[in-house]
Amino acid sequence: MDATVQCCVAGGGPAGVMVGYLLARAGIRTLILEKHKDFLRDFRGDTVHASTLEVIYELGLLDEFLKRPHQELREIRGRIGGVEVRLADLTHLPTHCRFIALMPQWDFLNFLTEQGKKFPAFQLLMEAEVTSLIEKDGRIAGLEADTEQGRLKVKADLVIAADGRNSNVRKLAGLEVEDLGAPIDVLWMRISKEAGDPRQVLGYFNRGRVLVMLDRGDYWQCAFLILKGQFDEIRAEGLPHFREEIAGIAPFLKDRVTDGEPASWDDVNLLSVRVDRLHRWWRPGLLCIGDSAHAMSPIGGVGINLAIQDAVAAANILAGPWKAGGITDKDLEAVQERRMFPAKATQAFQVFVHKRVLERVLGRDKPLSPPWPVRLLDRWALLRRIPARFLGLGVRPEHVRSGTVPE
């Protein structure tokens, strides 16, 4: 099978679907290839930040989007030792939505693809895994993928790699990756939610353990942070001991973990955390965005936000030249120049938290108390607007400038 499009996007995650939507909206014939048969993969980021909600508002989709089941996080709280502290107040953000929406990522992606299919230039093909790049005269001119219908050969003016932290496309392109290091891994699991549970506290810190809990309505999506490579040791200690660790840091869960949650190690998923970025995000005919360009730690839940912002910037920069006659290498370079600083700044913050906070907490079985900067945040409401702005908006938030064409 052969296909010819202006843009072929490898990867149907937040970056890929958003850039595909925006380019199709601008009249650029775009094909998105997603290797899975659906978006139903549980242990992925669920945070739709205020800056992403602002993009959805600018697209005229916000009212419809917020009809989807979600929870709204307007204040970020933590429990350090036995003390609950207020860390960030998002209710003063200069956006239409002054909160972070907690929504399963598959709902977000399904919503955006449903909207994208309203544009004739938008195509999405599931179960299509990229296997090779097509190169002509030193330029990437398309790609090949395995699909249910057989081998697919796609010719394209531009290939956008949005296939995540384990990007096959960036490997095929031979792009150089800088590994910034990450001392932690994350164990993802579900724990049922009960009516008497306390209001949401995002993070629990105590006695060498860190537990992050996201409200998914009828259950908690939990992230148990460990030192990198520690999972085998935890498994060797046994599931009952692991449940005791959970109950020890979040005592209100004791009844559920005592009754057997998680039921087996099959219910505990290991996320190997990486923080890295490409030295160069592009080659002639190829552009990397999102985790393909800069893998983020789950710290702050900002990976989706950065990916969406990359997609908006790419569409803003590329749509005009594309419609005027064609994109150049300078246009691809401009995307990296626009988005490299936000990626570097965010990763620098994450590395700081890894080294100055998490490495000092994890594995040290000592009671904790809130340090003085946290006590200041808890005491002074005005100070809580600072981390709220960083988490809610990120560094250099993007706004939709790529125009639409009549349907």
Protein backbone atom coordinates (compact mmCIF):
# COMPACT_ATOMS: atom_id res chain seq x y z
CA MET A 1 0.00 0.00 0.00
CA ASP A 2 1.16 3.51 -0.78
CA ALA A 3 0.00 6.88 0.54
CA THR A 4 1.07 10.45 -0.13
CA VAL A 5 0.46 13.22 2.40
CA GLN A 6 2.03 16.51 3.33
CA CYS A 7 2.76 15.43 6.90
CA CYS A 8 3.04 11.97 8.45
CA VAL A 9 3.04 11.86 12.25
CA ALA A 10 4.51 8.81 13.97
CA GLY A 11 2.77 8.31 17.31
CA GLY A 12 -0.76 8.94 18.51
CA GLY A 13 -0.01 10.35 21.95
CA PRO A 14 -0.79 13.91 23.08
CA ALA A 15 1.91 15.54 20.93
CA GLY A 16 1.09 13.53 17.81
CA VAL A 17 -2.68 13.89 17.96
CA MET A 18 -2.52 17.60 18.79
CA VAL A 19 -0.09 18.48 16.01
CA GLY A 20 -2.10 16.34 13.59
CA TYR A 21 -5.29 18.11 14.60
CA LEU A 22 -3.77 21.59 14.27
CA LEU A 23 -2.15 20.94 10.89
CA ALA A 24 -5.31 19.36 9.48
CA ARG A 25 -7.29 22.30 10.82
CA ALA A 26 -4.95 24.55 8.81
CA GLY A 27 -5.57 22.48 5.67
CA ILE A 28 -2.33 20.43 5.73
CA ARG A 29 -3.00 16.85 4.67
CA THR A 30 -1.85 14.87 7.72
CA LEU A 31 -1.72 11.17 8.53
CA ILE A 32 -1.16 9.99 12.13
CA LEU A 33 0.15 6.46 12.65
CA GLU A 34 -0.42 4.82 16.05
CA LYS A 35 1.01 1.36 16.65
CA HIS A 36 -1.63 0.24 19.17
CA LYS A 37 -5.22 -0.70 18.33
CA ASP A 38 -6.65 1.86 20.77
CA PHE A 39 -5.63 4.46 23.36
CA LEU A 40 -6.61 2.30 26.36
CA ARG A 41 -3.30 2.08 28.19
CA ASP A 42 -3.83 2.77 31.85
CA PHE A 43 -0.61 3.94 33.39
CA ARG A 44 -0.12 7.20 31.57
CA GLY A 45 -0.32 10.81 32.62
CA ASP A 46 -3.79 12.09 33.39
CA THR A 47 -3.09 15.76 34.07
CA VAL A 48 -4.47 18.27 31.59
CA HIS A 49 -2.84 21.50 32.70
CA ALA A 50 -4.34 24.98 32.58
CA SER A 51 -2.18 25.91 29.59
CA THR A 52 -3.50 22.90 27.65
CA LEU A 53 -7.06 23.79 28.63
CA GLU A 54 -6.36 27.30 27.32
CA VAL A 55 -5.31 25.82 23.98
CA ILE A 56 -8.56 23.83 23.90
CA TYR A 57 -10.45 27.04 24.66
CA GLU A 58 -8.67 28.84 21.80
CA LEU A 59 -9.78 26.04 19.49
CA GLY A 60 -13.40 26.58 20.54
CA LEU A 61 -13.65 23.10 22.08
CA LEU A 62 -13.55 23.79 25.83
CA ASP A 63 -17.25 23.50 26.66
CA GLU A 64 -17.51 20.19 24.85
CA PHE A 65 -14.27 18.94 26.38
CA LEU A 66 -15.35 19.66 29.95
CA LYS A 67 -18.47 17.55 29.45
CA ARG A 68 -16.19 14.53 29.59
CA PRO A 69 -15.80 12.96 33.07
CA HIS A 70 -12.96 14.64 34.91
CA GLN A 71 -11.89 15.98 38.29
CA GLU A 72 -10.65 19.52 38.86
CA LEU A 73 -7.55 20.17 40.94
CA ARG A 74 -7.57 23.81 42.07
CA GLU A 75 -5.16 23.48 44.96
CA ILE A 76 -2.16 21.20 45.37
CA ARG A 77 -1.61 19.76 48.82
CA GLY A 78 0.91 17.36 50.25
CA ARG A 79 1.37 15.47 53.50
CA ILE A 80 4.91 15.49 54.85
CA GLY A 81 5.20 13.28 57.88
CA GLY A 82 1.88 13.78 59.61
CA VAL A 83 1.45 17.39 58.52
CA GLU A 84 -0.77 18.44 55.61
CA VAL A 85 0.57 21.46 53.74
CA ARG A 86 -0.73 23.66 50.95
CA LEU A 87 1.78 23.92 48.13
CA ALA A 88 0.11 25.67 45.17
CA ASP A 89 -3.06 27.67 44.50
CA LEU A 90 -4.17 27.59 40.87
CA THR A 91 -7.28 29.75 41.33
CA HIS A 92 -5.39 32.92 40.33
CA LEU A 93 -4.00 31.71 37.01
CA PRO A 94 -4.57 34.12 34.08
CA THR A 95 -6.49 31.48 32.12
CA HIS A 96 -10.12 30.55 31.49
CA CYS A 97 -9.66 27.37 33.53
CA ARG A 98 -7.96 27.98 36.84
CA PHE A 99 -7.39 24.32 37.60
CA ILE A 100 -5.70 21.16 36.39
CA ALA A 101 -8.17 18.66 34.92
CA LEU A 102 -7.62 15.02 35.86
CA MET A 103 -8.84 12.95 32.94
CA PRO A 104 -7.70 9.53 31.69
CA GLN A 105 -5.42 10.11 28.73
CA TRP A 106 -7.48 7.84 26.48
CA ASP A 107 -10.48 10.14 26.97
CA PHE A 108 -8.37 13.16 26.05
CA LEU A 109 -7.02 11.46 22.92
CA ASN A 110 -10.39 10.07 21.87
CA PHE A 111 -11.93 13.53 22.20
CA LEU A 112 -9.23 15.19 20.10
CA THR A 113 -9.32 12.55 17.36
CA GLU A 114 -13.13 12.79 17.19
CA GLN A 115 -12.77 16.52 16.64
CA GLY A 116 -9.94 16.03 14.15
CA LYS A 117 -12.01 13.72 11.96
CA LYS A 118 -14.27 16.68 11.20
CA PHE A 119 -11.46 18.03 8.98
CA PRO A 120 -10.98 16.38 5.55
CA ALA A 121 -7.19 16.71 5.92
CA PHE A 122 -7.09 14.63 9.13
CA GLN A 123 -6.36 10.90 8.96
CA LEU A 124 -5.61 8.47 11.78
CA LEU A 125 -4.50 4.88 11.25
CA MET A 126 -4.30 2.56 14.24
CA GLU A 127 -2.16 -0.57 14.48
CA ALA A 128 0.47 0.97 12.23
CA GLU A 129 4.03 0.59 13.52
CA VAL A 130 6.84 2.50 11.84
CA THR A 131 9.66 0.20 10.73
CA SER A 132 11.88 2.36 8.53
CA LEU A 133 12.42 5.84 7.13
CA ILE A 134 12.57 6.67 3.46
CA GLU A 135 15.55 8.84 2.59
CA LYS A 136 16.13 10.59 -0.72
CA ASP A 137 19.04 12.91 -1.53
CA GLY A 138 19.93 13.29 2.15
CA ARG A 139 16.38 14.17 3.16
CA ILE A 140 13.71 12.12 4.95
CA ALA A 141 10.98 11.72 2.35
CA GLY A 142 8.56 9.45 4.19
CA LEU A 143 8.42 6.19 6.10
CA GLU A 144 7.30 2.60 6.00
CA ALA A 145 5.04 0.94 8.55
CA ASP A 146 3.56 -2.47 9.25
CA THR A 147 -0.24 -2.47 9.41
CA GLU A 148 -3.02 -5.04 9.60
CA GLN A 149 -3.45 -4.64 5.85
CA GLY A 150 0.26 -5.18 5.16
CA ARG A 151 3.24 -2.95 4.53
CA LEU A 152 2.39 0.75 4.16
CA LYS A 153 4.71 3.16 2.35
CA VAL A 154 4.01 6.82 3.06
CA LYS A 155 5.56 9.65 1.07
CA ALA A 156 5.51 12.94 2.98
CA ASP A 157 7.00 16.42 2.87
CA LEU A 158 7.65 16.08 6.61
CA VAL A 159 7.73 13.24 9.12
CA ILE A 160 7.02 14.28 12.71
CA ALA A 161 8.28 11.89 15.36
CA ALA A 162 5.90 11.93 18.33
CA ASP A 163 6.34 8.30 19.34
CA GLY A 164 7.43 8.88 22.91
CA ARG A 165 10.45 8.41 25.13
CA ASN A 166 11.35 5.13 23.42
CA SER A 167 11.01 6.72 19.99
CA ASN A 168 11.83 4.29 17.22
CA VAL A 169 11.84 7.10 14.67
CA ARG A 170 14.58 9.08 16.39
CA LYS A 171 16.65 5.87 16.58
CA LEU A 172 16.13 5.23 12.88
CA ALA A 173 17.14 8.83 12.18
CA GLY A 174 20.35 8.45 14.19
CA LEU A 175 19.73 11.54 16.34
CA GLU A 176 22.04 11.98 19.33
CA VAL A 177 20.46 11.76 22.80
CA GLU A 178 21.82 13.41 25.96
CA ASP A 179 20.91 11.43 29.09
CA LEU A 180 20.49 13.71 32.11
CA GLY A 181 19.98 10.82 34.52
CA ALA A 182 17.09 9.95 36.82
CA PRO A 183 17.59 8.28 40.23
CA ILE A 184 13.99 7.10 40.57
CA ASP A 185 11.50 4.65 39.14
CA VAL A 186 7.74 4.60 39.65
CA LEU A 187 5.37 1.76 40.50
CA TRP A 188 1.88 2.48 39.13
CA MET A 189 -1.21 0.78 40.54
CA ARG A 190 -4.91 1.24 41.25
CA ILE A 191 -6.46 1.33 44.71
CA SER A 192 -10.21 1.59 45.12
CA LYS A 193 -11.74 4.81 46.41
CA GLU A 194 -14.32 5.01 49.18
CA ALA A 195 -16.80 7.72 50.13
CA GLY A 196 -15.07 8.50 53.41
CA ASP A 197 -11.64 9.09 51.88
CA PRO A 198 -10.08 12.47 52.68
CA ARG A 199 -10.02 15.24 50.08
CA GLN A 200 -7.29 14.86 47.55
CA VAL A 201 -3.75 15.23 48.80
CA LEU A 202 -1.46 14.85 45.83
CA GLY A 203 1.69 13.57 47.53
CA TYR A 204 2.50 11.71 50.75
CA PHE A 205 6.09 11.88 52.05
CA ASN A 206 7.31 9.99 55.12
CA ARG A 207 9.84 7.43 56.36
CA GLY A 208 11.68 6.95 53.10
CA ARG A 209 8.57 6.58 50.95
CA VAL A 210 6.70 8.81 48.52
CA LEU A 211 3.18 8.08 47.25
CA VAL A 212 1.36 10.24 44.69
CA MET A 213 -2.40 9.76 44.30
CA LEU A 214 -4.57 10.94 41.40
CA ASP A 215 -8.35 10.99 41.75
CA ARG A 216 -10.02 9.01 38.97
CA GLY A 217 -13.51 9.18 40.38
CA ASP A 218 -14.09 5.66 41.67
CA TYR A 219 -10.46 4.72 42.30
CA TRP A 220 -7.08 6.22 43.06
CA GLN A 221 -4.34 6.06 40.46
CA CYS A 222 -1.25 5.67 42.63
CA ALA A 223 2.42 6.23 41.91
CA PHE A 224 4.81 4.72 44.47
CA LEU A 225 8.27 6.22 43.99
CA ILE A 226 11.35 4.06 44.50
CA LEU A 227 15.07 4.37 43.91
CA LYS A 228 16.09 3.24 40.43
CA GLY A 229 16.66 -0.48 40.24
CA GLN A 230 14.97 -1.17 43.61
CA PHE A 231 11.94 -3.03 42.25
CA ASP A 232 13.54 -6.50 42.43
CA GLU A 233 14.38 -5.92 46.09
CA ILE A 234 10.81 -4.80 46.83
CA ARG A 235 9.37 -7.83 45.07
CA ALA A 236 11.69 -10.12 47.03
CA GLU A 237 10.27 -8.70 50.28
CA GLY A 238 6.83 -9.84 49.19
CA LEU A 239 3.48 -8.30 48.32
CA PRO A 240 2.20 -8.19 51.94
CA HIS A 241 5.22 -6.10 52.94
CA PHE A 242 4.63 -3.79 49.99
CA ARG A 243 1.01 -3.31 51.04
CA GLU A 244 2.19 -2.46 54.55
CA GLU A 245 4.46 0.20 53.07
CA ILE A 246 1.47 1.76 51.30
CA ALA A 247 -0.66 1.69 54.44
CA GLY A 248 2.20 3.16 56.45
CA ILE A 249 2.41 6.27 54.31
CA ALA A 250 -1.37 6.64 53.66
CA PRO A 251 -3.11 5.05 56.68
CA PHE A 252 -6.64 5.63 55.32
CA LEU A 253 -5.88 2.98 52.68
CA LYS A 254 -5.12 0.30 55.29
CA ASP A 255 -8.47 -1.48 55.01
CA ARG A 256 -8.12 -1.82 51.24
CA VAL A 257 -4.52 -2.99 51.16
CA THR A 258 -5.22 -5.40 54.03
CA ASP A 259 -8.04 -6.85 51.93
CA GLY A 260 -5.60 -7.47 49.11
CA GLU A 261 -5.01 -4.38 46.97
CA PRO A 262 -3.04 -4.61 44.79
CA ALA A 263 -4.01 -8.25 44.34
CA SER A 264 -0.77 -9.38 42.65
CA TRP A 265 2.43 -8.05 41.19
CA ASP A 266 0.66 -8.13 37.81
CA ASP A 267 -1.34 -5.16 39.11
CA VAL A 268 1.86 -3.18 39.75
CA ASN A 269 3.44 -1.61 36.68
CA LEU A 270 7.04 -0.42 36.65
CA LEU A 271 7.78 2.87 34.89
CA SER A 272 11.51 3.27 34.36
CA VAL A 273 12.00 7.02 34.64
CA ARG A 274 14.27 8.78 32.17
CA VAL A 275 15.18 12.40 31.63
CA ASP A 276 16.90 13.03 28.31
CA ARG A 277 16.79 15.28 25.27
CA LEU A 278 18.07 15.41 21.73
CA HIS A 279 20.91 17.73 20.84
CA ARG A 280 19.15 18.38 17.55
CA TRP A 281 15.43 17.75 17.14
CA TRP A 282 15.37 17.65 13.36
CA ARG A 283 16.89 16.44 10.13
CA PRO A 284 15.84 17.62 6.69
CA GLY A 285 12.33 16.24 6.32
CA LEU A 286 12.04 15.14 9.98
CA LEU A 287 11.06 16.85 13.24
CA CYS A 288 10.87 15.37 16.77
CA ILE A 289 8.50 16.79 19.39
CA GLY A 290 7.24 15.81 22.84
CA ASP A 291 8.97 12.94 24.64
CA SER A 292 10.65 11.98 21.36
CA ALA A 293 12.64 15.20 21.67
CA HIS A 294 12.85 15.45 25.46
CA ALA A 295 11.77 12.67 27.82
CA MET A 296 10.39 14.06 31.07
CA SER A 297 10.23 12.70 34.60
CA PRO A 298 6.71 12.34 36.06
CA ILE A 299 7.64 15.06 38.58
CA GLY A 300 4.92 17.72 38.34
CA GLY A 301 3.01 15.74 35.73
CA VAL A 302 4.22 18.25 33.13
CA GLY A 303 5.22 15.87 30.33
CA ILE A 304 1.84 16.07 28.60
CA ASN A 305 1.86 19.84 28.94
CA LEU A 306 5.29 20.14 27.29
CA ALA A 307 4.22 17.79 24.50
CA ILE A 308 1.09 19.80 23.75
CA GLN A 309 3.03 23.06 23.78
CA ASP A 310 5.56 21.58 21.32
CA ALA A 311 2.70 20.61 19.02
CA VAL A 312 1.15 24.08 19.13
CA ALA A 313 4.51 25.75 18.45
CA ALA A 314 5.22 23.39 15.55
CA ALA A 315 1.85 24.11 13.93
CA ASN A 316 2.23 27.85 14.51
CA ILE A 317 5.65 27.93 12.88
CA LEU A 318 5.09 25.44 10.03
CA ALA A 319 1.51 25.97 8.82
CA GLY A 320 2.08 29.39 7.22
CA PRO A 321 5.23 28.51 5.24
CA TRP A 322 3.69 25.18 4.28
CA LYS A 323 0.65 26.83 2.71
CA ALA A 324 2.84 29.53 1.13
CA GLY A 325 4.91 27.03 -0.80
CA GLY A 326 6.78 24.69 1.49
CA ILE A 327 8.75 24.38 4.71
CA THR A 328 12.51 24.66 4.94
CA ASP A 329 15.18 23.44 7.32
CA LYS A 330 15.13 26.89 8.93
CA ASP A 331 11.47 26.37 9.81
CA LEU A 332 12.29 23.08 11.53
CA GLU A 333 15.19 24.70 13.35
CA ALA A 334 12.85 27.47 14.47
CA VAL A 335 10.63 24.94 16.25
CA GLN A 336 13.57 23.66 18.25
CA GLU A 337 14.75 27.18 19.04
CA ARG A 338 11.28 28.06 20.29
CA ARG A 339 10.86 24.99 22.48
CA MET A 340 14.38 24.11 23.66
CA PHE A 341 14.44 26.61 26.52
CA PRO A 342 11.14 25.43 28.06
CA ALA A 343 12.37 21.83 27.83
CA LYS A 344 15.72 22.64 29.41
CA ALA A 345 14.21 24.77 32.17
CA THR A 346 11.62 22.12 33.07
CA GLN A 347 14.16 19.31 33.05
CA ALA A 348 16.52 21.38 35.21
CA PHE A 349 13.73 21.74 37.78
CA GLN A 350 13.02 18.01 37.67
CA VAL A 351 16.69 17.09 38.10
CA PHE A 352 16.88 19.51 41.05
CA VAL A 353 13.88 17.81 42.71
CA HIS A 354 15.39 14.38 42.04
CA LYS A 355 18.71 15.25 43.67
CA ARG A 356 17.71 17.68 46.42
CA VAL A 357 14.43 16.13 47.49
CA LEU A 358 13.71 12.59 46.34
CA GLU A 359 17.19 11.11 46.73
CA ARG A 360 17.25 12.48 50.28
CA VAL A 361 13.82 11.10 51.14
CA LEU A 362 13.71 7.69 49.45
CA GLY A 363 15.18 4.81 51.36
CA ARG A 364 15.79 6.76 54.60
CA ASP A 365 13.50 5.36 57.25
CA LYS A 366 13.19 8.52 59.31
CA PRO A 367 10.16 10.64 60.20
CA LEU A 368 9.90 13.79 58.13
CA SER A 369 8.68 17.27 58.87
CA PRO A 370 7.98 20.07 56.37
CA PRO A 371 11.15 22.06 55.54
CA TRP A 372 11.05 25.83 55.95
CA PRO A 373 10.33 26.67 52.26
CA VAL A 374 7.28 24.39 52.39
CA ARG A 375 6.15 25.93 55.67
CA LEU A 376 6.35 29.36 54.04
CA LEU A 377 4.19 28.20 51.13
CA ASP A 378 1.64 26.79 53.54
CA ARG A 379 1.54 29.99 55.58
CA TRP A 380 1.52 32.65 52.85
CA ALA A 381 -1.21 32.33 50.21
CA LEU A 382 0.48 34.78 47.87
CA LEU A 383 3.58 32.57 47.64
CA ARG A 384 1.49 29.60 46.53
CA ARG A 385 0.76 31.39 43.27
CA ILE A 386 4.41 30.95 42.19
CA PRO A 387 4.52 27.12 41.99
CA ALA A 388 0.94 27.20 40.68
CA ARG A 389 2.04 29.30 37.71
CA PHE A 390 4.99 27.02 36.97
CA LEU A 391 2.90 23.84 37.20
CA GLY A 392 -0.26 25.20 35.61
CA LEU A 393 1.24 27.19 32.74
CA GLY A 394 4.79 25.92 32.42
CA VAL A 395 7.63 27.84 30.80
CA ARG A 396 6.69 29.88 27.73
CA PRO A 397 3.11 28.67 27.16
CA GLU A 398 2.00 28.64 23.54
CA HIS A 399 -1.17 30.05 21.98
CA VAL A 400 -2.86 28.87 18.81
CA ARG A 401 -1.94 31.02 15.81
CA SER A 402 -2.25 28.47 13.00
CA GLY A 403 -5.49 29.38 11.20
CA THR A 404 -8.27 27.13 10.06
CA VAL A 405 -9.67 26.55 6.59
CA PRO A 406 -13.33 26.07 5.61
CA GLU A 407 -14.48 22.48 5.99
